[in-house]
Full PDB file with SEQRES, HELIX, SHEET, SSBOND, CRYST1, ORIGX, SCALE, CONECT and MASTER records, all heavy atoms in Angstrom:
SEQRES   1 A   40  GLU PRO ARG GLU VAL PRO ARG GLY GLY PHE GLY ARG ASP          
SEQRES   2 A   40  ILE LEU ASP ILE GLU GLY TYR VAL ARG GLY PHE ARG ARG          
SEQRES   3 A   40  ARG ARG PRO ASP VAL THR ALA THR VAL LEU ARG PHE ALA          
SEQRES   4 A   40  PRO                                                          
HELIX    1 AA1 GLY A    9  ARG A   27  1                                  19    
CRYST1    1.000    1.000    1.000  90.00  90.00  90.00 P 1           1          
ORIGX1      1.000000  0.000000  0.000000        0.00000                         
ORIGX2      0.000000  1.000000  0.000000        0.00000                         
ORIGX3      0.000000  0.000000  1.000000        0.00000                         
SCALE1      1.000000  0.000000  0.000000        0.00000                         
SCALE2      0.000000  1.000000  0.000000        0.00000                         
SCALE3      0.000000  0.000000  1.000000        0.00000                         
ATOM      1  N   GLU A   1      -9.103 -90.242-129.000  1.00  0.00           N  
ATOM      2  CA  GLU A   1      -8.252 -91.372-128.789  1.00  0.00           C  
ATOM      3  C   GLU A   1      -7.350 -91.564-130.017  1.00  0.00           C  
ATOM      4  O   GLU A   1      -7.826 -91.345-131.141  1.00  0.00           O  
ATOM      5  CB  GLU A   1      -9.062 -92.664-128.579  1.00  0.00           C  
ATOM      6  CG  GLU A   1      -9.914 -92.644-127.290  1.00  0.00           C  
ATOM      7  CD  GLU A   1      -9.072 -92.733-126.016  1.00  0.00           C  
ATOM      8  OE1 GLU A   1      -7.891 -93.231-126.119  1.00  0.00           O  
ATOM      9  OE2 GLU A   1      -9.528 -92.261-125.011  1.00  0.00           O  
ATOM     10  N   PRO A   2      -6.097 -91.952-129.852  1.00  0.00           N  
ATOM     11  CA  PRO A   2      -5.245 -92.197-131.012  1.00  0.00           C  
ATOM     12  C   PRO A   2      -5.772 -93.309-131.870  1.00  0.00           C  
ATOM     13  O   PRO A   2      -6.161 -94.350-131.330  1.00  0.00           O  
ATOM     14  CB  PRO A   2      -3.886 -92.512-130.370  1.00  0.00           C  
ATOM     15  CG  PRO A   2      -4.143 -92.945-129.014  1.00  0.00           C  
ATOM     16  CD  PRO A   2      -5.362 -92.218-128.562  1.00  0.00           C  
ATOM     17  N   ARG A   3      -5.758 -93.111-133.179  1.00  0.00           N  
ATOM     18  CA  ARG A   3      -6.227 -94.192-134.098  1.00  0.00           C  
ATOM     19  C   ARG A   3      -5.202 -95.325-134.186  1.00  0.00           C  
ATOM     20  O   ARG A   3      -5.568 -96.476-134.444  1.00  0.00           O  
ATOM     21  CB  ARG A   3      -6.480 -93.589-135.481  1.00  0.00           C  
ATOM     22  CG  ARG A   3      -7.471 -92.448-135.501  1.00  0.00           C  
ATOM     23  CD  ARG A   3      -8.851 -92.867-135.188  1.00  0.00           C  
ATOM     24  NE  ARG A   3      -9.800 -91.754-135.126  1.00  0.00           N  
ATOM     25  CZ  ARG A   3     -10.469 -91.325-136.205  1.00  0.00           C  
ATOM     26  NH1 ARG A   3     -10.278 -91.826-137.395  1.00  0.00           N  
ATOM     27  NH2 ARG A   3     -11.320 -90.342-136.070  1.00  0.00           N  
ATOM     28  N   GLU A   4      -3.943 -94.968-134.015  1.00  0.00           N  
ATOM     29  CA  GLU A   4      -2.868 -95.936-134.070  1.00  0.00           C  
ATOM     30  C   GLU A   4      -1.861 -95.612-132.948  1.00  0.00           C  
ATOM     31  O   GLU A   4      -1.676 -94.445-132.612  1.00  0.00           O  
ATOM     32  CB  GLU A   4      -2.157 -95.948-135.421  1.00  0.00           C  
ATOM     33  CG  GLU A   4      -3.051 -96.366-136.597  1.00  0.00           C  
ATOM     34  CD  GLU A   4      -2.312 -96.347-137.910  1.00  0.00           C  
ATOM     35  OE1 GLU A   4      -1.060 -96.140-137.856  1.00  0.00           O  
ATOM     36  OE2 GLU A   4      -2.904 -96.526-138.952  1.00  0.00           O  
ATOM     37  N   VAL A   5      -1.165 -96.634-132.459  1.00  0.00           N  
ATOM     38  CA  VAL A   5      -0.173 -96.418-131.467  1.00  0.00           C  
ATOM     39  C   VAL A   5       1.006 -95.688-132.180  1.00  0.00           C  
ATOM     40  O   VAL A   5       1.404 -96.035-133.299  1.00  0.00           O  
ATOM     41  CB  VAL A   5       0.360 -97.744-130.867  1.00  0.00           C  
ATOM     42  CG1 VAL A   5       1.528 -97.508-129.925  1.00  0.00           C  
ATOM     43  CG2 VAL A   5      -0.786 -98.427-130.191  1.00  0.00           C  
ATOM     44  N   PRO A   6       1.494 -94.596-131.586  1.00  0.00           N  
ATOM     45  CA  PRO A   6       2.616 -93.861-132.226  1.00  0.00           C  
ATOM     46  C   PRO A   6       3.787 -94.755-132.539  1.00  0.00           C  
ATOM     47  O   PRO A   6       4.117 -95.663-131.794  1.00  0.00           O  
ATOM     48  CB  PRO A   6       2.997 -92.815-131.131  1.00  0.00           C  
ATOM     49  CG  PRO A   6       1.761 -92.658-130.318  1.00  0.00           C  
ATOM     50  CD  PRO A   6       1.080 -93.957-130.325  1.00  0.00           C  
ATOM     51  N   ARG A   7       4.425 -94.510-133.677  1.00  0.00           N  
ATOM     52  CA  ARG A   7       5.616 -95.297-134.036  1.00  0.00           C  
ATOM     53  C   ARG A   7       6.799 -94.875-133.216  1.00  0.00           C  
ATOM     54  O   ARG A   7       7.686 -95.724-132.955  1.00  0.00           O  
ATOM     55  CB  ARG A   7       5.951 -95.126-135.548  1.00  0.00           C  
ATOM     56  CG  ARG A   7       4.915 -95.663-136.497  1.00  0.00           C  
ATOM     57  CD  ARG A   7       5.491 -95.767-137.880  1.00  0.00           C  
ATOM     58  NE  ARG A   7       6.080 -94.512-138.386  1.00  0.00           N  
ATOM     59  CZ  ARG A   7       6.937 -94.407-139.393  1.00  0.00           C  
ATOM     60  NH1 ARG A   7       7.332 -95.561-139.987  1.00  0.00           N  
ATOM     61  NH2 ARG A   7       7.410 -93.250-139.759  1.00  0.00           N  
ATOM     62  N   GLY A   8       6.886 -93.628-132.876  1.00  0.00           N  
ATOM     63  CA  GLY A   8       8.072 -93.109-132.183  1.00  0.00           C  
ATOM     64  C   GLY A   8       8.047 -93.456-130.711  1.00  0.00           C  
ATOM     65  O   GLY A   8       6.980 -93.607-130.037  1.00  0.00           O  
ATOM     66  N   GLY A   9       9.246 -93.563-130.135  1.00  0.00           N  
ATOM     67  CA  GLY A   9       9.363 -93.936-128.749  1.00  0.00           C  
ATOM     68  C   GLY A   9       8.807 -92.905-127.804  1.00  0.00           C  
ATOM     69  O   GLY A   9       8.164 -93.263-126.808  1.00  0.00           O  
ATOM     70  N   PHE A  10       8.960 -91.583-128.081  1.00  0.00           N  
ATOM     71  CA  PHE A  10       8.425 -90.603-127.201  1.00  0.00           C  
ATOM     72  C   PHE A  10       6.912 -90.651-127.097  1.00  0.00           C  
ATOM     73  O   PHE A  10       6.317 -90.535-126.061  1.00  0.00           O  
ATOM     74  CB  PHE A  10       8.897 -89.194-127.621  1.00  0.00           C  
ATOM     75  CG  PHE A  10       8.463 -88.068-126.707  1.00  0.00           C  
ATOM     76  CD1 PHE A  10       8.858 -88.073-125.406  1.00  0.00           C  
ATOM     77  CD2 PHE A  10       7.664 -87.091-127.194  1.00  0.00           C  
ATOM     78  CE1 PHE A  10       8.423 -87.042-124.543  1.00  0.00           C  
ATOM     79  CE2 PHE A  10       7.235 -86.025-126.355  1.00  0.00           C  
ATOM     80  CZ  PHE A  10       7.624 -86.031-125.043  1.00  0.00           C  
ATOM     81  N   GLY A  11       6.259 -90.787-128.267  1.00  0.00           N  
ATOM     82  CA  GLY A  11       4.796 -90.895-128.278  1.00  0.00           C  
ATOM     83  C   GLY A  11       4.286 -92.067-127.474  1.00  0.00           C  
ATOM     84  O   GLY A  11       3.316 -91.965-126.719  1.00  0.00           O  
ATOM     85  N   ARG A  12       4.981 -93.220-127.596  1.00  0.00           N  
ATOM     86  CA  ARG A  12       4.566 -94.422-126.845  1.00  0.00           C  
ATOM     87  C   ARG A  12       4.802 -94.163-125.339  1.00  0.00           C  
ATOM     88  O   ARG A  12       3.974 -94.578-124.521  1.00  0.00           O  
ATOM     89  CB  ARG A  12       5.311 -95.624-127.342  1.00  0.00           C  
ATOM     90  CG  ARG A  12       4.991 -96.021-128.740  1.00  0.00           C  
ATOM     91  CD  ARG A  12       5.382 -97.440-129.047  1.00  0.00           C  
ATOM     92  NE  ARG A  12       6.814 -97.642-128.845  1.00  0.00           N  
ATOM     93  CZ  ARG A  12       7.756 -97.471-129.807  1.00  0.00           C  
ATOM     94  NH1 ARG A  12       7.352 -97.047-131.020  1.00  0.00           N  
ATOM     95  NH2 ARG A  12       9.058 -97.703-129.598  1.00  0.00           N  
ATOM     96  N   ASP A  13       5.903 -93.519-124.986  1.00  0.00           N  
ATOM     97  CA  ASP A  13       6.198 -93.202-123.616  1.00  0.00           C  
ATOM     98  C   ASP A  13       5.061 -92.307-123.039  1.00  0.00           C  
ATOM     99  O   ASP A  13       4.616 -92.481-121.878  1.00  0.00           O  
ATOM    100  CB  ASP A  13       7.516 -92.493-123.451  1.00  0.00           C  
ATOM    101  CG  ASP A  13       8.704 -93.433-123.708  1.00  0.00           C  
ATOM    102  OD1 ASP A  13       8.468 -94.661-123.836  1.00  0.00           O  
ATOM    103  OD2 ASP A  13       9.865 -92.910-123.782  1.00  0.00           O  
ATOM    104  N   ILE A  14       4.651 -91.311-123.812  1.00  0.00           N  
ATOM    105  CA  ILE A  14       3.626 -90.411-123.312  1.00  0.00           C  
ATOM    106  C   ILE A  14       2.291 -91.165-123.043  1.00  0.00           C  
ATOM    107  O   ILE A  14       1.612 -90.881-122.033  1.00  0.00           O  
ATOM    108  CB  ILE A  14       3.359 -89.281-124.359  1.00  0.00           C  
ATOM    109  CG1 ILE A  14       4.579 -88.301-124.355  1.00  0.00           C  
ATOM    110  CG2 ILE A  14       2.070 -88.522-124.096  1.00  0.00           C  
ATOM    111  CD1 ILE A  14       4.758 -87.566-123.057  1.00  0.00           C  
ATOM    112  N   LEU A  15       1.933 -92.115-123.900  1.00  0.00           N  
ATOM    113  CA  LEU A  15       0.732 -92.877-123.643  1.00  0.00           C  
ATOM    114  C   LEU A  15       0.868 -93.663-122.348  1.00  0.00           C  
ATOM    115  O   LEU A  15      -0.095 -93.741-121.545  1.00  0.00           O  
ATOM    116  CB  LEU A  15       0.482 -93.796-124.821  1.00  0.00           C  
ATOM    117  CG  LEU A  15       0.010 -93.234-126.114  1.00  0.00           C  
ATOM    118  CD1 LEU A  15      -0.248 -94.311-127.162  1.00  0.00           C  
ATOM    119  CD2 LEU A  15      -1.243 -92.351-125.927  1.00  0.00           C  
ATOM    120  N   ASP A  16       2.005 -94.263-122.097  1.00  0.00           N  
ATOM    121  CA  ASP A  16       2.239 -95.006-120.832  1.00  0.00           C  
ATOM    122  C   ASP A  16       2.160 -94.050-119.628  1.00  0.00           C  
ATOM    123  O   ASP A  16       1.511 -94.341-118.615  1.00  0.00           O  
ATOM    124  CB  ASP A  16       3.569 -95.705-120.846  1.00  0.00           C  
ATOM    125  CG  ASP A  16       3.629 -96.859-121.797  1.00  0.00           C  
ATOM    126  OD1 ASP A  16       2.516 -97.405-122.154  1.00  0.00           O  
ATOM    127  OD2 ASP A  16       4.716 -97.290-122.216  1.00  0.00           O  
ATOM    128  N   ILE A  17       2.771 -92.874-119.757  1.00  0.00           N  
ATOM    129  CA  ILE A  17       2.801 -91.930-118.660  1.00  0.00           C  
ATOM    130  C   ILE A  17       1.440 -91.495-118.295  1.00  0.00           C  
ATOM    131  O   ILE A  17       0.992 -91.467-117.143  1.00  0.00           O  
ATOM    132  CB  ILE A  17       3.689 -90.734-119.034  1.00  0.00           C  
ATOM    133  CG1 ILE A  17       5.177 -91.123-119.033  1.00  0.00           C  
ATOM    134  CG2 ILE A  17       3.469 -89.530-118.084  1.00  0.00           C  
ATOM    135  CD1 ILE A  17       6.087 -90.130-119.652  1.00  0.00           C  
ATOM    136  N   GLU A  18       0.635 -91.135-119.273  1.00  0.00           N  
ATOM    137  CA  GLU A  18      -0.755 -90.667-119.018  1.00  0.00           C  
ATOM    138  C   GLU A  18      -1.591 -91.832-118.438  1.00  0.00           C  
ATOM    139  O   GLU A  18      -2.457 -91.547-117.609  1.00  0.00           O  
ATOM    140  CB  GLU A  18      -1.349 -90.131-120.294  1.00  0.00           C  
ATOM    141  CG  GLU A  18      -0.751 -88.797-120.716  1.00  0.00           C  
ATOM    142  CD  GLU A  18      -1.693 -87.971-121.596  1.00  0.00           C  
ATOM    143  OE1 GLU A  18      -2.892 -88.400-121.821  1.00  0.00           O  
ATOM    144  OE2 GLU A  18      -1.260 -86.928-122.101  1.00  0.00           O  
ATOM    145  N   GLY A  19      -1.349 -93.034-118.865  1.00  0.00           N  
ATOM    146  CA  GLY A  19      -2.056 -94.149-118.279  1.00  0.00           C  
ATOM    147  C   GLY A  19      -1.766 -94.355-116.790  1.00  0.00           C  
ATOM    148  O   GLY A  19      -2.664 -94.551-115.970  1.00  0.00           O  
ATOM    149  N   TYR A  20      -0.504 -94.130-116.411  1.00  0.00           N  
ATOM    150  CA  TYR A  20      -0.126 -94.230-115.006  1.00  0.00           C  
ATOM    151  C   TYR A  20      -0.728 -93.075-114.146  1.00  0.00           C  
ATOM    152  O   TYR A  20      -1.140 -93.256-113.028  1.00  0.00           O  
ATOM    153  CB  TYR A  20       1.388 -94.273-114.836  1.00  0.00           C  
ATOM    154  CG  TYR A  20       2.028 -95.457-115.455  1.00  0.00           C  
ATOM    155  CD1 TYR A  20       3.206 -95.382-116.251  1.00  0.00           C  
ATOM    156  CD2 TYR A  20       1.489 -96.737-115.237  1.00  0.00           C  
ATOM    157  CE1 TYR A  20       3.787 -96.488-116.805  1.00  0.00           C  
ATOM    158  CE2 TYR A  20       2.087 -97.866-115.825  1.00  0.00           C  
ATOM    159  CZ  TYR A  20       3.189 -97.751-116.598  1.00  0.00           C  
ATOM    160  OH  TYR A  20       3.787 -98.827-117.182  1.00  0.00           O  
ATOM    161  N   VAL A  21      -0.815 -91.907-114.808  1.00  0.00           N  
ATOM    162  CA  VAL A  21      -1.418 -90.752-114.095  1.00  0.00           C  
ATOM    163  C   VAL A  21      -2.922 -91.029-113.866  1.00  0.00           C  
ATOM    164  O   VAL A  21      -3.455 -90.671-112.812  1.00  0.00           O  
ATOM    165  CB  VAL A  21      -1.187 -89.445-114.877  1.00  0.00           C  
ATOM    166  CG1 VAL A  21      -1.949 -88.288-114.222  1.00  0.00           C  
ATOM    167  CG2 VAL A  21       0.291 -89.135-114.951  1.00  0.00           C  
ATOM    168  N   ARG A  22      -3.603 -91.606-114.824  1.00  0.00           N  
ATOM    169  CA  ARG A  22      -5.007 -91.928-114.619  1.00  0.00           C  
ATOM    170  C   ARG A  22      -5.161 -92.915-113.432  1.00  0.00           C  
ATOM    171  O   ARG A  22      -6.073 -92.741-112.647  1.00  0.00           O  
ATOM    172  CB  ARG A  22      -5.585 -92.566-115.876  1.00  0.00           C  
ATOM    173  CG  ARG A  22      -5.834 -91.529-116.997  1.00  0.00           C  
ATOM    174  CD  ARG A  22      -6.685 -92.112-118.099  1.00  0.00           C  
ATOM    175  NE  ARG A  22      -6.015 -93.199-118.814  1.00  0.00           N  
ATOM    176  CZ  ARG A  22      -5.220 -93.008-119.903  1.00  0.00           C  
ATOM    177  NH1 ARG A  22      -5.024 -91.794-120.367  1.00  0.00           N  
ATOM    178  NH2 ARG A  22      -4.683 -94.056-120.482  1.00  0.00           N  
ATOM    179  N   GLY A  23      -4.274 -93.851-113.318  1.00  0.00           N  
ATOM    180  CA  GLY A  23      -4.349 -94.778-112.156  1.00  0.00           C  
ATOM    181  C   GLY A  23      -4.103 -94.019-110.885  1.00  0.00           C  
ATOM    182  O   GLY A  23      -4.732 -94.305-109.879  1.00  0.00           O  
ATOM    183  N   PHE A  24      -3.171 -93.091-110.883  1.00  0.00           N  
ATOM    184  CA  PHE A  24      -2.876 -92.278-109.675  1.00  0.00           C  
ATOM    185  C   PHE A  24      -4.129 -91.526-109.306  1.00  0.00           C  
ATOM    186  O   PHE A  24      -4.442 -91.360-108.067  1.00  0.00           O  
ATOM    187  CB  PHE A  24      -1.675 -91.364-109.955  1.00  0.00           C  
ATOM    188  CG  PHE A  24      -1.412 -90.432-108.823  1.00  0.00           C  
ATOM    189  CD1 PHE A  24      -0.687 -90.800-107.738  1.00  0.00           C  
ATOM    190  CD2 PHE A  24      -1.902 -89.112-108.830  1.00  0.00           C  
ATOM    191  CE1 PHE A  24      -0.468 -89.952-106.644  1.00  0.00           C  
ATOM    192  CE2 PHE A  24      -1.636 -88.233-107.825  1.00  0.00           C  
ATOM    193  CZ  PHE A  24      -0.926 -88.665-106.699  1.00  0.00           C  
ATOM    194  N   ARG A  25      -4.822 -90.949-110.256  1.00  0.00           N  
ATOM    195  CA  ARG A  25      -5.999 -90.129-109.945  1.00  0.00           C  
ATOM    196  C   ARG A  25      -7.064 -91.006-109.243  1.00  0.00           C  
ATOM    197  O   ARG A  25      -7.692 -90.557-108.333  1.00  0.00           O  
ATOM    198  CB  ARG A  25      -6.619 -89.610-111.224  1.00  0.00           C  
ATOM    199  CG  ARG A  25      -5.873 -88.359-111.781  1.00  0.00           C  
ATOM    200  CD  ARG A  25      -6.431 -88.005-113.145  1.00  0.00           C  
ATOM    201  NE  ARG A  25      -5.964 -86.685-113.626  1.00  0.00           N  
ATOM    202  CZ  ARG A  25      -5.862 -86.307-114.857  1.00  0.00           C  
ATOM    203  NH1 ARG A  25      -6.234 -87.198-115.800  1.00  0.00           N  
ATOM    204  NH2 ARG A  25      -5.441 -85.105-115.189  1.00  0.00           N  
ATOM    205  N   ARG A  26      -7.196 -92.258-109.617  1.00  0.00           N  
ATOM    206  CA  ARG A  26      -8.145 -93.143-108.959  1.00  0.00           C  
ATOM    207  C   ARG A  26      -7.731 -93.445-107.524  1.00  0.00           C  
ATOM    208  O   ARG A  26      -8.569 -93.521-106.629  1.00  0.00           O  
ATOM    209  CB  ARG A  26      -8.329 -94.424-109.785  1.00  0.00           C  
ATOM    210  CG  ARG A  26      -8.999 -94.230-111.131  1.00  0.00           C  
ATOM    211  CD  ARG A  26      -9.394 -95.593-111.745  1.00  0.00           C  
ATOM    212  NE  ARG A  26      -8.189 -96.368-112.063  1.00  0.00           N  
ATOM    213  CZ  ARG A  26      -7.604 -96.326-113.276  1.00  0.00           C  
ATOM    214  NH1 ARG A  26      -8.039 -95.516-114.232  1.00  0.00           N  
ATOM    215  NH2 ARG A  26      -6.552 -97.069-113.535  1.00  0.00           N  
ATOM    216  N   ARG A  27      -6.423 -93.626-107.300  1.00  0.00           N  
ATOM    217  CA  ARG A  27      -5.919 -93.961-105.991  1.00  0.00           C  
ATOM    218  C   ARG A  27      -5.862 -92.757-105.062  1.00  0.00           C  
ATOM    219  O   ARG A  27      -6.016 -92.920-103.828  1.00  0.00           O  
ATOM    220  CB  ARG A  27      -4.539 -94.624-106.105  1.00  0.00           C  
ATOM    221  CG  ARG A  27      -4.551 -95.961-106.800  1.00  0.00           C  
ATOM    222  CD  ARG A  27      -3.139 -96.620-106.739  1.00  0.00           C  
ATOM    223  NE  ARG A  27      -2.104 -95.799-107.397  1.00  0.00           N  
ATOM    224  CZ  ARG A  27      -1.811 -95.947-108.649  1.00  0.00           C  
ATOM    225  NH1 ARG A  27      -2.487 -96.808-109.442  1.00  0.00           N  
ATOM    226  NH2 ARG A  27      -0.842 -95.176-109.187  1.00  0.00           N  
ATOM    227  N   ARG A  28      -5.648 -91.555-105.607  1.00  0.00           N  
ATOM    228  CA  ARG A  28      -5.543 -90.374-104.794  1.00  0.00           C  
ATOM    229  C   ARG A  28      -6.491 -89.297-105.315  1.00  0.00           C  
ATOM    230  O   ARG A  28      -6.045 -88.272-105.861  1.00  0.00           O  
ATOM    231  CB  ARG A  28      -4.089 -89.846-104.753  1.00  0.00           C  
ATOM    232  CG  ARG A  28      -3.096 -90.686-103.998  1.00  0.00           C  
ATOM    233  CD  ARG A  28      -3.348 -90.610-102.477  1.00  0.00           C  
ATOM    234  NE  ARG A  28      -3.363 -89.244-101.966  1.00  0.00           N  
ATOM    235  CZ  ARG A  28      -2.292 -88.591-101.449  1.00  0.00           C  
ATOM    236  NH1 ARG A  28      -1.117 -89.233-101.425  1.00  0.00           N  
ATOM    237  NH2 ARG A  28      -2.367 -87.379-100.997  1.00  0.00           N  
ATOM    238  N   PRO A  29      -7.779 -89.471-105.190  1.00  0.00           N  
ATOM    239  CA  PRO A  29      -8.720 -88.471-105.669  1.00  0.00           C  
ATOM    240  C   PRO A  29      -8.592 -87.134-104.941  1.00  0.00           C  
ATOM    241  O   PRO A  29      -9.195 -86.135-105.379  1.00  0.00           O  
ATOM    242  CB  PRO A  29     -10.101 -89.141-105.431  1.00  0.00           C  
ATOM    243  CG  PRO A  29      -9.857 -90.166-104.316  1.00  0.00           C  
ATOM    244  CD  PRO A  29      -8.446 -90.627-104.533  1.00  0.00           C  
ATOM    245  N   ASP A  30      -7.920 -87.130-103.751  1.00  0.00           N  
ATOM    246  CA  ASP A  30      -7.735 -85.882-103.017  1.00  0.00           C  
ATOM    247  C   ASP A  30      -6.708 -84.974-103.627  1.00  0.00           C  
ATOM    248  O   ASP A  30      -6.593 -83.831-103.255  1.00  0.00           O  
ATOM    249  CB  ASP A  30      -7.355 -86.240-101.591  1.00  0.00           C  
ATOM    250  CG  ASP A  30      -6.053 -87.028-101.504  1.00  0.00           C  
ATOM    251  OD1 ASP A  30      -6.019 -88.067-102.220  1.00  0.00           O  
ATOM    252  OD2 ASP A  30      -5.142 -86.666-100.764  1.00  0.00           O  
ATOM    253  N   VAL A  31      -5.926 -85.494-104.590  1.00  0.00           N  
ATOM    254  CA  VAL A  31      -4.845 -84.716-105.210  1.00  0.00           C  
ATOM    255  C   VAL A  31      -5.370 -84.128-106.564  1.00  0.00           C  
ATOM    256  O   VAL A  31      -5.936 -84.859-107.382  1.00  0.00           O  
ATOM    257  CB  VAL A  31      -3.619 -85.540-105.504  1.00  0.00           C  
ATOM    258  CG1 VAL A  31      -2.547 -84.746-106.248  1.00  0.00           C  
ATOM    259  CG2 VAL A  31      -3.000 -86.083-104.175  1.00  0.00           C  
ATOM    260  N   THR A  32      -5.185 -82.811-106.753  1.00  0.00           N  
ATOM    261  CA  THR A  32      -5.501 -82.213-108.022  1.00  0.00           C  
ATOM    262  C   THR A  32      -4.407 -82.562-109.028  1.00  0.00           C  
ATOM    263  O   THR A  32      -3.268 -82.102-108.901  1.00  0.00           O  
ATOM    264  CB  THR A  32      -5.592 -80.677-107.882  1.00  0.00           C  
ATOM    265  OG1 THR A  32      -6.660 -80.400-106.955  1.00  0.00           O  
ATOM    266  CG2 THR A  32      -5.884 -80.018-109.242  1.00  0.00           C  
ATOM    267  N   ALA A  33      -4.752 -83.310-110.009  1.00  0.00           N  
ATOM    268  CA  ALA A  33      -3.766 -83.777-111.019  1.00  0.00           C  
ATOM    269  C   ALA A  33      -4.032 -83.078-112.352  1.00  0.00           C  
ATOM    270  O   ALA A  33      -5.147 -83.113-112.908  1.00  0.00           O  
ATOM    271  CB  ALA A  33      -3.826 -85.317-111.255  1.00  0.00           C  
ATOM    272  N   THR A  34      -3.018 -82.374-112.852  1.00  0.00           N  
ATOM    273  CA  THR A  34      -3.101 -81.621-114.131  1.00  0.00           C  
ATOM    274  C   THR A  34      -2.121 -82.196-115.114  1.00  0.00           C  
ATOM    275  O   THR A  34      -0.928 -82.305-114.818  1.00  0.00           O  
ATOM    276  CB  THR A  34      -2.762 -80.135-113.888  1.00  0.00           C  
ATOM    277  OG1 THR A  34      -3.659 -79.604-112.868  1.00  0.00           O  
ATOM    278  CG2 THR A  34      -2.927 -79.328-115.158  1.00  0.00           C  
ATOM    279  N   VAL A  35      -2.632 -82.587-116.284  1.00  0.00           N  
ATOM    280  CA  VAL A  35      -1.775 -83.105-117.341  1.00  0.00           C  
ATOM    281  C   VAL A  35      -1.773 -82.089-118.491  1.00  0.00           C  
ATOM    282  O   VAL A  35      -2.884 -81.719-118.961  1.00  0.00           O  
ATOM    283  CB  VAL A  35      -2.295 -84.482-117.833  1.00  0.00           C  
ATOM    284  CG1 VAL A  35      -1.441 -84.923-119.010  1.00  0.00           C  
ATOM    285  CG2 VAL A  35      -2.164 -85.521-116.704  1.00  0.00           C  
ATOM    286  N   LEU A  36      -0.616 -81.638-118.914  1.00  0.00           N  
ATOM    287  CA  LEU A  36      -0.506 -80.614-119.965  1.00  0.00           C  
ATOM    288  C   LEU A  36       0.120 -81.197-121.221  1.00  0.00           C  
ATOM    289  O   LEU A  36       1.303 -81.599-121.216  1.00  0.00           O  
ATOM    290  CB  LEU A  36       0.349 -79.470-119.421  1.00  0.00           C  
ATOM    291  CG  LEU A  36      -0.135 -78.783-118.179  1.00  0.00           C  
ATOM    292  CD1 LEU A  36       0.900 -77.783-117.652  1.00  0.00           C  
ATOM    293  CD2 LEU A  36      -1.473 -78.053-118.420  1.00  0.00           C  
ATOM    294  N   ARG A  37      -0.682 -81.290-122.235  1.00  0.00           N  
ATOM    295  CA  ARG A  37      -0.198 -81.823-123.548  1.00  0.00           C  
ATOM    296  C   ARG A  37       0.327 -80.660-124.389  1.00  0.00           C  
ATOM    297  O   ARG A  37      -0.424 -79.988-125.060  1.00  0.00           O  
ATOM    298  CB  ARG A  37      -1.326 -82.545-124.288  1.00  0.00           C  
ATOM    299  CG  ARG A  37      -1.753 -83.858-123.600  1.00  0.00           C  
ATOM    300  CD  ARG A  37      -2.948 -84.472-124.324  1.00  0.00           C  
ATOM    301  NE  ARG A  37      -3.342 -85.726-123.721  1.00  0.00           N  
ATOM    302  CZ  ARG A  37      -4.530 -86.336-123.898  1.00  0.00           C  
ATOM    303  NH1 ARG A  37      -5.415 -85.777-124.704  1.00  0.00           N  
ATOM    304  NH2 ARG A  37      -4.781 -87.480-123.313  1.00  0.00           N  
ATOM    305  N   PHE A  38       1.637 -80.488-124.371  1.00  0.00           N  
ATOM    306  CA  PHE A  38       2.268 -79.357-125.048  1.00  0.00           C  
ATOM    307  C   PHE A  38       2.521 -79.721-126.510  1.00  0.00           C  
ATOM    308  O   PHE A  38       2.962 -80.794-126.827  1.00  0.00           O  
ATOM    309  CB  PHE A  38       3.607 -79.017-124.420  1.00  0.00           C  
ATOM    310  CG  PHE A  38       3.460 -78.367-123.078  1.00  0.00           C  
ATOM    311  CD1 PHE A  38       3.775 -79.052-121.924  1.00  0.00           C  
ATOM    312  CD2 PHE A  38       3.059 -77.025-122.995  1.00  0.00           C  
ATOM    313  CE1 PHE A  38       3.669 -78.434-120.673  1.00  0.00           C  
ATOM    314  CE2 PHE A  38       2.975 -76.387-121.767  1.00  0.00           C  
ATOM    315  CZ  PHE A  38       3.279 -77.116-120.597  1.00  0.00           C  
ATOM    316  N   ALA A  39       2.207 -78.730-127.404  1.00  0.00           N  
ATOM    317  CA  ALA A  39       2.712 -78.794-128.743  1.00  0.00           C  
ATOM    318  C   ALA A  39       4.200 -78.514-128.714  1.00  0.00           C  
ATOM    319  O   ALA A  39       4.742 -78.133-127.663  1.00  0.00           O  
ATOM    320  CB  ALA A  39       1.983 -77.693-129.603  1.00  0.00           C  
ATOM    321  N   PRO A  40       4.900 -78.769-129.815  1.00  0.00           N  
ATOM    322  CA  PRO A  40       6.383 -78.469-129.772  1.00  0.00           C  
ATOM    323  C   PRO A  40       6.668 -77.033-129.361  1.00  0.00           C  
ATOM    324  O   PRO A  40       6.038 -76.111-129.815  1.00  0.00           O  
ATOM    325  CB  PRO A  40       6.766 -78.751-131.224  1.00  0.00           C  
ATOM    326  CG  PRO A  40       5.789 -79.735-131.731  1.00  0.00           C  
ATOM    327  CD  PRO A  40       4.477 -79.321-131.071  1.00  0.00           C  
TER     328      PRO A  40                                                      
MASTER        0    0    0    1    0    0    0    6  327    1    0    4          
END                                                                             
């Protein structure tokens, strides 16, 4: 887990995006959801 919320906008956006995907997984467990955390 991140120790601090990212200062940059992209990092904060990524946290929000992954949170929404976790919610989607709960609502649609029949869908295989893959999240890829790419390095630069």
